[in-house]
Amino acid sequence: MPKKISTAQVKDLLYDENVMLIDTRPVDAYNGWTLQNEARGGHIPGARSLPFKWSLYIDWIEIVRHKGIAPHHTIVVYGYQLKHIQDVAELFEKAGYEEVFTYSFFIEEWVNSSLPLHVLERFDKLVHPEWVNRLLKAEEPMLHIGKKVVIIHAHYRNRNAYLSGHIPGAVDMDTCALESTETWNRRSPQELKVALQQHGITSDTLVVLYGKFQHPDNADAFPGSAAGQLGAMRCAAIMLYAGVKDVRVLNGGFQSWKEAGYEISKRDEPKQPVLDFGVDIPALPHLFVDMDEARRMLASSNAELVSVRSWAEYLGEVSGYNYIEKKGRIPGSVFGNCGTDAYHMENYRNPDHTIREAQEIEELWRQANITPNKHLAFYCGTGWRGSEAFFNAWLMGWPNVSIYDGGWFEWSQHSNNPIEKGEPILDNA
């Protein structure tokens, strides 16, 4: 049986590299939301997010090992519910972990004190299903603290994904409304203005975006069709650039809404256009860089282009897309490691498609010398994966992050741009 541990003992173990604190609460509570009306939100510094519901997954132990939680570690499990804490602790023991403790005083003693808690810097921009449901059930539906709310179901040329089931009150937005189908870059300021107004969005609108997970019908499907959240984050990034002041994304997308058991609608909600967006577009031009700025960043010691692509794309073994002929990478770019291919972002996602915890993303980036003290521009093939990585950094509060919108698609089309293939040569000077 797992042993019990006190608050004083947990405090003494903080920052011990041989100890792994395990937070069994939902990822949204870990990020900073107070899901049970506790006095403060966040997690114990250094704790790993390992929600109880993941313990029901058949590959639970692979998730644990992927997080770097090894059998030699001392395990301390805490959370909301004692049964969940005990169940997860017992799973660790069954998996061969010898030093396993349960900590059951997290809410009662840790939260209700001045002991440290860490939160995701902009956790409130990564919302959870209950929060969205409260919007829908408000006395004045689709208003939040006096602001108009628009919920967007993002998709790429697939209204059937919306019509087959969506969050009540949500309107659909094809990503092509905000990006060109010729270049896959964001559309012009005037085009963005028209598109946003048509969807009822002004600069003061609170916009909640989400996507729906779908398996692509064939290997030539557009990047992101296998995970609709990519489209939601792409739209979110462009809206921030345009000047929407309050952009939020539903963590885990439609899947999290469905798992929470909330109502699902098939009504084709009419859009309610507005007359004026309210500010000049782009209000935040620095959130996107174009090719000339990308070249300048490559020459700067205070900037990095981050290639959010697969290793095979980075090496130049594949282009990643059926419509991109050239293979390779931008010389001098650093590897941001999206996952297996152009259609997946598993290195930035949890098993349930929620956003991976910030400290794990930071560890991934630190290995590539991607740090918050530089100007970072994330790119991929056409901007989708780069937008998701950017959104991670933005949520983390990193101060100077952008998207190189043209990405590999644009860079590879210009014959005067250098291309590099093979294993990168590291500068050890």
Protein backbone atom coordinates (compact mmCIF):
# COMPACT_ATOMS: atom_id res chain seq x y z
CA MET A 1 0.00 0.00 0.00
CA PRO A 2 1.21 3.54 -0.79
CA LYS A 3 2.43 5.48 2.23
CA LYS A 4 0.91 8.78 3.36
CA ILE A 5 2.88 12.01 3.41
CA SER A 6 2.31 15.33 5.16
CA THR A 7 2.37 18.91 3.90
CA ALA A 8 5.62 19.59 5.75
CA GLN A 9 7.23 16.54 4.13
CA VAL A 10 6.08 17.56 0.65
CA LYS A 11 7.50 21.03 1.25
CA ASP A 12 10.86 19.49 2.16
CA LEU A 13 10.84 17.45 -1.05
CA LEU A 14 10.24 20.41 -3.39
CA TYR A 15 12.89 20.76 -6.09
CA ASP A 16 14.41 17.34 -5.26
CA GLU A 17 15.29 15.95 -8.68
CA ASN A 18 14.62 12.40 -7.49
CA VAL A 19 11.02 13.21 -6.54
CA MET A 20 8.10 13.35 -8.97
CA LEU A 21 4.94 15.10 -7.77
CA ILE A 22 1.92 13.79 -9.67
CA ASP A 23 -1.19 15.98 -10.07
CA THR A 24 -4.25 13.78 -10.75
CA ARG A 25 -6.69 16.66 -11.30
CA PRO A 26 -7.95 17.66 -14.78
CA VAL A 27 -5.37 19.52 -16.84
CA ASP A 28 -7.43 22.70 -16.57
CA ALA A 29 -7.08 22.69 -12.77
CA TYR A 30 -3.36 22.05 -13.17
CA ASN A 31 -3.13 25.10 -15.47
CA GLY A 32 -4.82 27.43 -12.99
CA TRP A 33 -8.60 27.06 -13.11
CA THR A 34 -10.34 26.60 -9.75
CA LEU A 35 -12.70 23.79 -10.75
CA GLN A 36 -13.94 23.15 -7.20
CA ASN A 37 -14.05 26.74 -5.99
CA GLU A 38 -10.78 26.37 -4.13
CA ALA A 39 -9.11 29.51 -2.82
CA ARG A 40 -6.27 29.48 -5.37
CA GLY A 41 -5.55 27.81 -8.67
CA GLY A 42 -2.47 26.13 -10.05
CA HIS A 43 -0.19 23.24 -9.18
CA ILE A 44 2.67 22.50 -6.81
CA PRO A 45 5.92 23.68 -8.44
CA GLY A 46 7.52 20.94 -10.52
CA ALA A 47 4.46 18.67 -10.44
CA ARG A 48 3.59 16.62 -13.52
CA SER A 49 0.07 16.64 -14.87
CA LEU A 50 -1.29 13.08 -14.96
CA PRO A 51 -5.09 13.31 -14.72
CA PHE A 52 -6.95 10.42 -13.18
CA LYS A 53 -8.93 9.81 -16.37
CA TRP A 54 -5.71 8.90 -18.16
CA SER A 55 -5.27 6.01 -15.72
CA LEU A 56 -8.15 4.35 -17.59
CA TYR A 57 -6.20 4.43 -20.87
CA ILE A 58 -4.62 1.16 -21.94
CA ASP A 59 -1.30 2.94 -22.66
CA TRP A 60 -1.13 4.67 -19.27
CA ILE A 61 2.38 3.40 -18.48
CA GLU A 62 3.67 4.64 -21.86
CA ILE A 63 2.27 8.10 -21.04
CA VAL A 64 4.05 7.96 -17.68
CA ARG A 65 7.40 7.01 -19.22
CA HIS A 66 6.97 9.58 -22.01
CA LYS A 67 6.79 12.21 -19.27
CA GLY A 68 10.14 11.08 -17.92
CA ILE A 69 8.66 9.57 -14.76
CA ALA A 70 11.05 6.66 -14.16
CA PRO A 71 10.95 3.76 -11.66
CA HIS A 72 13.85 5.20 -9.68
CA HIS A 73 11.83 8.32 -8.84
CA THR A 74 10.04 8.81 -5.54
CA ILE A 75 6.39 9.37 -6.43
CA VAL A 76 4.06 11.73 -4.53
CA VAL A 77 0.46 11.68 -5.78
CA TYR A 78 -2.06 14.44 -5.00
CA GLY A 79 -5.33 15.80 -6.38
CA TYR A 80 -8.95 16.55 -5.63
CA GLN A 81 -10.38 13.14 -4.70
CA LEU A 82 -8.79 10.70 -2.27
CA LYS A 83 -9.94 7.67 -4.28
CA HIS A 84 -8.33 9.03 -7.45
CA ILE A 85 -5.12 9.73 -5.54
CA GLN A 86 -5.04 6.21 -4.12
CA ASP A 87 -5.95 4.52 -7.42
CA VAL A 88 -3.16 6.28 -9.31
CA ALA A 89 -0.66 5.59 -6.52
CA GLU A 90 -1.52 1.90 -6.64
CA LEU A 91 -1.01 1.88 -10.41
CA PHE A 92 2.51 3.19 -9.87
CA GLU A 93 3.18 0.42 -7.36
CA LYS A 94 1.86 -2.23 -9.77
CA ALA A 95 4.17 -0.79 -12.44
CA GLY A 96 7.21 -1.42 -10.22
CA TYR A 97 7.68 1.95 -8.55
CA GLU A 98 8.96 1.27 -5.04
CA GLU A 99 8.69 4.65 -3.30
CA VAL A 100 5.07 5.85 -3.72
CA PHE A 101 3.31 8.30 -1.40
CA THR A 102 -0.19 9.79 -1.30
CA TYR A 103 -0.68 13.44 -0.32
CA SER A 104 -4.31 14.14 0.59
CA PHE A 105 -4.03 17.63 2.07
CA PHE A 106 -3.45 19.62 -1.12
CA ILE A 107 -6.71 21.62 -1.00
CA GLU A 108 -7.07 21.72 2.77
CA GLU A 109 -3.53 22.80 3.61
CA TRP A 110 -1.44 23.65 0.55
CA VAL A 111 -3.98 25.75 -1.33
CA ASN A 112 -5.30 27.40 1.83
CA SER A 113 -1.87 28.76 2.74
CA SER A 114 0.89 30.86 1.25
CA LEU A 115 2.79 27.85 -0.11
CA PRO A 116 3.79 28.29 -3.77
CA LEU A 117 1.55 27.40 -6.69
CA HIS A 118 2.46 27.70 -10.35
CA VAL A 119 -0.05 28.60 -13.06
CA LEU A 120 0.03 28.83 -16.83
CA GLU A 121 0.52 32.56 -17.44
CA ARG A 122 -2.58 32.95 -19.63
CA PHE A 123 -4.52 29.93 -18.41
CA ASP A 124 -7.80 31.86 -18.68
CA LYS A 125 -7.35 31.98 -22.46
CA LEU A 126 -7.39 28.17 -22.54
CA VAL A 127 -10.91 27.49 -21.34
CA HIS A 128 -12.59 24.30 -20.17
CA PRO A 129 -16.03 22.84 -21.07
CA GLU A 130 -17.73 23.84 -17.81
CA TRP A 131 -16.72 27.47 -18.36
CA VAL A 132 -18.18 27.42 -21.89
CA ASN A 133 -21.34 25.74 -20.62
CA ARG A 134 -21.78 28.51 -18.04
CA LEU A 135 -21.69 31.02 -20.90
CA LEU A 136 -24.52 29.17 -22.60
CA LYS A 137 -26.58 28.94 -19.41
CA ALA A 138 -26.14 32.58 -18.42
CA GLU A 139 -29.18 34.77 -17.88
CA GLU A 140 -28.11 36.68 -20.98
CA PRO A 141 -26.74 33.93 -23.23
CA MET A 142 -23.63 34.76 -25.22
CA LEU A 143 -22.66 37.68 -23.02
CA HIS A 144 -19.70 37.63 -20.64
CA ILE A 145 -18.93 40.51 -18.28
CA GLY A 146 -20.76 42.82 -20.64
CA LYS A 147 -19.03 41.61 -23.80
CA LYS A 148 -20.63 39.90 -26.77
CA VAL A 149 -19.50 36.28 -27.15
CA VAL A 150 -19.06 34.38 -30.40
CA ILE A 151 -18.25 30.67 -30.28
CA ILE A 152 -16.49 29.48 -33.42
CA HIS A 153 -16.38 25.89 -34.68
CA ALA A 154 -13.30 26.02 -36.93
CA HIS A 155 -12.90 23.64 -39.87
CA TYR A 156 -11.20 23.42 -43.24
CA ARG A 157 -13.74 23.11 -46.06
CA ASN A 158 -15.83 20.70 -44.04
CA ARG A 159 -19.16 22.12 -42.87
CA ASN A 160 -20.34 18.55 -42.35
CA ALA A 161 -18.04 18.39 -39.34
CA TYR A 162 -20.02 21.29 -37.92
CA LEU A 163 -23.48 20.15 -39.04
CA SER A 164 -22.94 16.64 -37.64
CA GLY A 165 -22.68 18.05 -34.12
CA HIS A 166 -21.36 21.20 -32.47
CA ILE A 167 -21.56 23.25 -29.29
CA PRO A 168 -25.00 24.91 -29.08
CA GLY A 169 -24.93 28.45 -30.39
CA ALA A 170 -21.60 28.02 -32.18
CA VAL A 171 -21.22 29.26 -35.75
CA ASP A 172 -18.86 27.63 -38.19
CA MET A 173 -15.79 29.27 -39.69
CA ASP A 174 -13.89 27.81 -42.61
CA THR A 175 -10.20 28.55 -42.08
CA CYS A 176 -10.13 29.73 -45.70
CA ALA A 177 -12.02 32.81 -44.53
CA LEU A 178 -8.85 33.97 -42.77
CA GLU A 179 -6.09 32.51 -44.96
CA SER A 180 -5.51 32.45 -48.70
CA THR A 181 -5.92 29.14 -50.52
CA GLU A 182 -3.17 30.21 -52.95
CA THR A 183 -0.42 31.00 -50.43
CA TRP A 184 -1.89 29.64 -47.15
CA ASN A 185 -0.83 32.97 -45.63
CA ARG A 186 -3.18 35.16 -43.62
CA ARG A 187 -5.45 37.22 -45.82
CA SER A 188 -5.08 40.97 -46.40
CA PRO A 189 -6.25 43.38 -43.69
CA GLN A 190 -9.33 44.30 -45.73
CA GLU A 191 -10.23 40.64 -46.34
CA LEU A 192 -9.79 39.86 -42.65
CA LYS A 193 -12.00 42.79 -41.72
CA VAL A 194 -14.79 41.56 -43.99
CA ALA A 195 -14.49 37.94 -42.82
CA LEU A 196 -14.52 38.81 -39.13
CA GLN A 197 -17.46 41.18 -39.52
CA GLN A 198 -19.39 38.53 -41.44
CA HIS A 199 -18.93 36.17 -38.47
CA GLY A 200 -20.17 38.81 -36.01
CA ILE A 201 -16.74 39.58 -34.57
CA THR A 202 -15.42 42.98 -33.51
CA SER A 203 -12.21 43.82 -31.69
CA ASP A 204 -14.19 43.81 -28.42
CA THR A 205 -15.91 40.44 -28.96
CA LEU A 206 -14.97 37.55 -26.72
CA VAL A 207 -14.23 34.73 -29.20
CA VAL A 208 -14.09 31.09 -28.12
CA LEU A 209 -12.64 28.75 -30.75
CA TYR A 210 -12.55 24.98 -30.98
CA GLY A 211 -12.18 22.24 -33.57
CA LYS A 212 -13.30 18.67 -33.97
CA PHE A 213 -10.96 15.70 -34.22
CA GLN A 214 -11.34 13.88 -37.53
CA HIS A 215 -9.38 11.15 -39.20
CA PRO A 216 -8.35 12.17 -42.72
CA ASP A 217 -9.98 10.15 -45.48
CA ASN A 218 -6.70 9.92 -47.37
CA ALA A 219 -3.02 10.72 -47.00
CA ASP A 220 -3.37 13.85 -49.13
CA ALA A 221 -5.74 15.51 -46.69
CA PHE A 222 -4.85 19.08 -45.78
CA PRO A 223 -2.64 19.39 -42.69
CA GLY A 224 -4.85 19.72 -39.67
CA SER A 225 -7.75 17.61 -40.91
CA ALA A 226 -6.62 14.87 -38.54
CA ALA A 227 -6.94 17.25 -35.60
CA GLY A 228 -9.38 20.14 -35.97
CA GLN A 229 -7.80 21.97 -33.04
CA LEU A 230 -5.00 23.00 -35.39
CA GLY A 231 -7.53 24.98 -37.39
CA ALA A 232 -8.90 26.58 -34.23
CA MET A 233 -5.43 27.70 -33.14
CA ARG A 234 -4.63 28.95 -36.62
CA CYS A 235 -7.75 31.12 -36.52
CA ALA A 236 -6.96 32.22 -32.96
CA ALA A 237 -3.50 33.43 -33.96
CA ILE A 238 -4.83 35.41 -36.93
CA MET A 239 -7.56 36.96 -34.79
CA LEU A 240 -5.01 38.09 -32.21
CA TYR A 241 -2.96 39.63 -35.04
CA ALA A 242 -6.05 41.34 -36.44
CA GLY A 243 -6.92 42.90 -33.08
CA VAL A 244 -9.51 40.73 -31.32
CA LYS A 245 -8.66 41.53 -27.71
CA ASP A 246 -10.10 38.46 -26.02
CA VAL A 247 -9.41 35.24 -27.91
CA ARG A 248 -9.82 31.92 -26.13
CA VAL A 249 -9.49 28.29 -27.17
CA LEU A 250 -11.42 25.36 -25.71
CA ASN A 251 -8.79 22.99 -24.36
CA GLY A 252 -9.20 19.62 -26.05
CA GLY A 253 -11.69 20.99 -28.55
CA PHE A 254 -15.04 19.38 -29.28
CA GLN A 255 -13.80 16.10 -27.82
CA SER A 256 -13.53 17.65 -24.36
CA TRP A 257 -17.04 19.09 -24.69
CA LYS A 258 -18.42 15.70 -25.71
CA GLU A 259 -16.59 13.86 -22.91
CA ALA A 260 -18.03 16.32 -20.39
CA GLY A 261 -21.51 15.17 -21.43
CA TYR A 262 -22.89 18.55 -22.43
CA GLU A 263 -25.59 19.15 -25.02
CA ILE A 264 -24.69 18.80 -28.70
CA SER A 265 -26.56 20.69 -31.40
CA LYS A 266 -27.00 20.07 -35.13
CA ARG A 267 -28.71 23.37 -35.82
CA ASP A 268 -27.10 25.47 -38.53
CA GLU A 269 -26.70 28.66 -36.54
CA PRO A 270 -27.06 31.84 -38.61
CA LYS A 271 -24.16 34.25 -38.44
CA GLN A 272 -24.96 37.74 -37.18
CA PRO A 273 -22.74 40.18 -39.11
CA VAL A 274 -21.55 43.43 -37.57
CA LEU A 275 -20.97 46.72 -39.36
CA ASP A 276 -17.47 47.54 -38.16
CA PHE A 277 -14.56 45.60 -36.66
CA GLY A 278 -13.66 48.59 -34.52
CA VAL A 279 -9.89 49.00 -35.01
CA ASP A 280 -7.46 49.09 -37.89
CA ILE A 281 -6.14 45.68 -38.94
CA PRO A 282 -3.56 44.51 -38.00
CA ALA A 283 -3.65 45.83 -34.45
CA LEU A 284 -0.74 43.55 -33.46
CA PRO A 285 1.41 43.27 -36.61
CA HIS A 286 4.42 41.91 -34.68
CA LEU A 287 2.66 38.57 -34.15
CA PHE A 288 3.42 37.63 -37.77
CA VAL A 289 6.62 38.00 -39.75
CA ASP A 290 7.12 37.66 -43.49
CA MET A 291 10.05 36.42 -45.53
CA ASP A 292 12.23 39.54 -45.38
CA GLU A 293 11.89 39.68 -41.59
CA ALA A 294 12.58 35.93 -41.41
CA ARG A 295 15.87 36.50 -43.25
CA ARG A 296 16.82 39.26 -40.81
CA MET A 297 16.01 37.01 -37.87
CA LEU A 298 18.34 34.33 -39.23
CA ALA A 299 21.17 36.87 -39.18
CA SER A 300 20.44 37.99 -35.62
CA SER A 301 21.90 36.50 -32.46
CA ASN A 302 18.75 37.56 -30.60
CA ALA A 303 16.24 35.72 -32.77
CA GLU A 304 15.41 32.20 -33.94
CA LEU A 305 13.23 30.66 -36.62
CA VAL A 306 11.67 27.56 -35.06
CA SER A 307 10.79 24.75 -37.47
CA VAL A 308 7.68 23.08 -36.07
CA ARG A 309 7.94 20.11 -38.41
CA SER A 310 8.73 16.43 -38.24
CA TRP A 311 12.31 15.16 -38.21
CA ALA A 312 11.89 13.69 -41.72
CA GLU A 313 10.80 17.10 -43.02
CA TYR A 314 13.62 18.86 -41.18
CA LEU A 315 16.22 16.49 -42.67
CA GLY A 316 14.77 16.96 -46.16
CA GLU A 317 13.66 13.35 -46.59
CA VAL A 318 10.08 14.46 -47.35
CA SER A 319 8.45 17.82 -48.07
CA GLY A 320 5.50 16.93 -45.87
CA TYR A 321 2.87 17.94 -48.45
CA ASN A 322 1.73 16.62 -51.80
CA TYR A 323 1.73 20.14 -53.28
CA ILE A 324 5.21 21.17 -52.09
CA GLU A 325 7.92 19.82 -54.36
CA LYS A 326 11.16 20.89 -52.69
CA LYS A 327 12.49 19.15 -49.61
CA GLY A 328 14.73 20.52 -46.89
CA ARG A 329 14.80 23.22 -44.24
CA ILE A 330 15.64 26.86 -43.85
CA PRO A 331 19.37 26.98 -42.95
CA GLY A 332 19.85 28.20 -39.41
CA SER A 333 16.36 27.28 -38.24
CA VAL A 334 16.08 25.25 -35.05
CA PHE A 335 14.07 22.08 -34.76
CA GLY A 336 10.73 22.52 -32.95
CA ASN A 337 9.73 18.84 -33.28
CA CYS A 338 5.98 18.69 -33.92
CA GLY A 339 5.75 14.90 -33.97
CA THR A 340 5.60 12.17 -36.58
CA ASP A 341 4.50 14.06 -39.70
CA ALA A 342 2.77 17.12 -41.14
CA TYR A 343 -0.61 15.93 -39.92
CA HIS A 344 0.14 15.54 -36.23
CA MET A 345 1.21 17.64 -33.26
CA GLU A 346 1.56 14.87 -30.68
CA ASN A 347 4.64 16.44 -29.06
CA TYR A 348 2.48 19.46 -28.17
CA ARG A 349 -0.60 17.49 -27.13
CA ASN A 350 -1.73 15.25 -24.32
CA PRO A 351 -3.39 11.89 -25.12
CA ASP A 352 -6.84 13.55 -24.93
CA HIS A 353 -5.79 16.36 -27.32
CA THR A 354 -5.53 18.96 -24.56
CA ILE A 355 -2.45 21.18 -24.65
CA ARG A 356 0.62 19.61 -23.08
CA GLU A 357 1.83 21.09 -19.81
CA ALA A 358 4.04 24.15 -20.14
CA GLN A 359 7.10 22.76 -18.35
CA GLU A 360 7.23 19.79 -20.74
CA ILE A 361 7.05 22.10 -23.76
CA GLU A 362 9.78 24.25 -22.20
CA GLU A 363 11.97 21.16 -21.74
CA LEU A 364 11.40 20.21 -25.38
CA TRP A 365 12.41 23.68 -26.50
CA ARG A 366 15.30 24.07 -24.08
CA GLN A 367 16.97 21.04 -25.66
CA ALA A 368 17.03 23.00 -28.93
CA ASN A 369 18.13 26.25 -27.24
CA ILE A 370 14.70 27.79 -27.80
CA THR A 371 14.43 30.30 -24.96
CA PRO A 372 12.08 33.18 -24.04
CA ASN A 373 14.81 35.82 -24.12
CA LYS A 374 14.91 35.77 -27.94
CA HIS A 375 12.48 36.83 -30.63
CA LEU A 376 11.00 33.54 -31.84
CA ALA A 377 9.10 33.00 -35.07
CA PHE A 378 7.49 29.58 -35.36
CA TYR A 379 6.89 28.11 -38.81
CA CYS A 380 5.97 24.83 -40.47
CA GLY A 381 4.84 24.06 -43.99
CA THR A 382 1.90 26.42 -44.26
CA GLY A 383 1.32 27.98 -40.85
CA TRP A 384 -0.96 25.59 -38.97
CA ARG A 385 1.56 23.77 -36.80
CA GLY A 386 3.52 26.99 -36.38
CA SER A 387 0.35 28.65 -35.09
CA GLU A 388 -0.17 25.96 -32.47
CA ALA A 389 3.41 26.24 -31.21
CA PHE A 390 3.05 30.03 -31.17
CA PHE A 391 -0.17 29.71 -29.16
CA ASN A 392 1.65 27.54 -26.61
CA ALA A 393 4.38 30.16 -26.19
CA TRP A 394 1.78 32.94 -26.00
CA LEU A 395 -0.15 31.07 -23.29
CA MET A 396 3.13 30.67 -21.40
CA GLY A 397 3.61 34.44 -21.48
CA TRP A 398 6.78 34.39 -23.56
CA PRO A 399 7.25 38.06 -24.47
CA ASN A 400 8.37 38.12 -28.11
CA VAL A 401 6.81 35.36 -30.20
CA SER A 402 5.56 35.40 -33.77
CA ILE A 403 4.63 33.17 -36.68
CA TYR A 404 6.63 33.11 -39.90
CA ASP A 405 3.51 32.84 -41.99
CA GLY A 406 4.97 31.79 -45.33
CA GLY A 407 6.87 28.91 -43.83
CA TRP A 408 8.47 26.21 -45.93
CA PHE A 409 5.85 26.62 -48.69
CA GLU A 410 6.87 30.22 -49.36
CA TRP A 411 10.60 29.83 -48.64
CA SER A 412 11.03 26.87 -50.99
CA GLN A 413 9.37 28.67 -53.92
CA HIS A 414 12.09 31.37 -54.11
CA SER A 415 15.16 30.15 -55.98
CA ASN A 416 17.45 32.66 -54.25
CA ASN A 417 16.63 31.22 -50.81
CA PRO A 418 19.19 28.69 -49.54
CA ILE A 419 18.03 25.20 -48.59
CA GLU A 420 19.72 22.74 -46.28
CA LYS A 421 19.31 18.97 -45.95
CA GLY A 422 20.67 16.21 -43.76
CA GLU A 423 21.81 16.27 -40.15
CA PRO A 424 22.44 19.83 -38.98
CA ILE A 425 26.02 20.75 -38.16
CA LEU A 426 26.07 22.03 -34.60
CA ASP A 427 28.15 25.07 -33.73
CA ASN A 428 30.08 24.09 -30.60
CA ALA A 429 32.10 27.27 -30.51
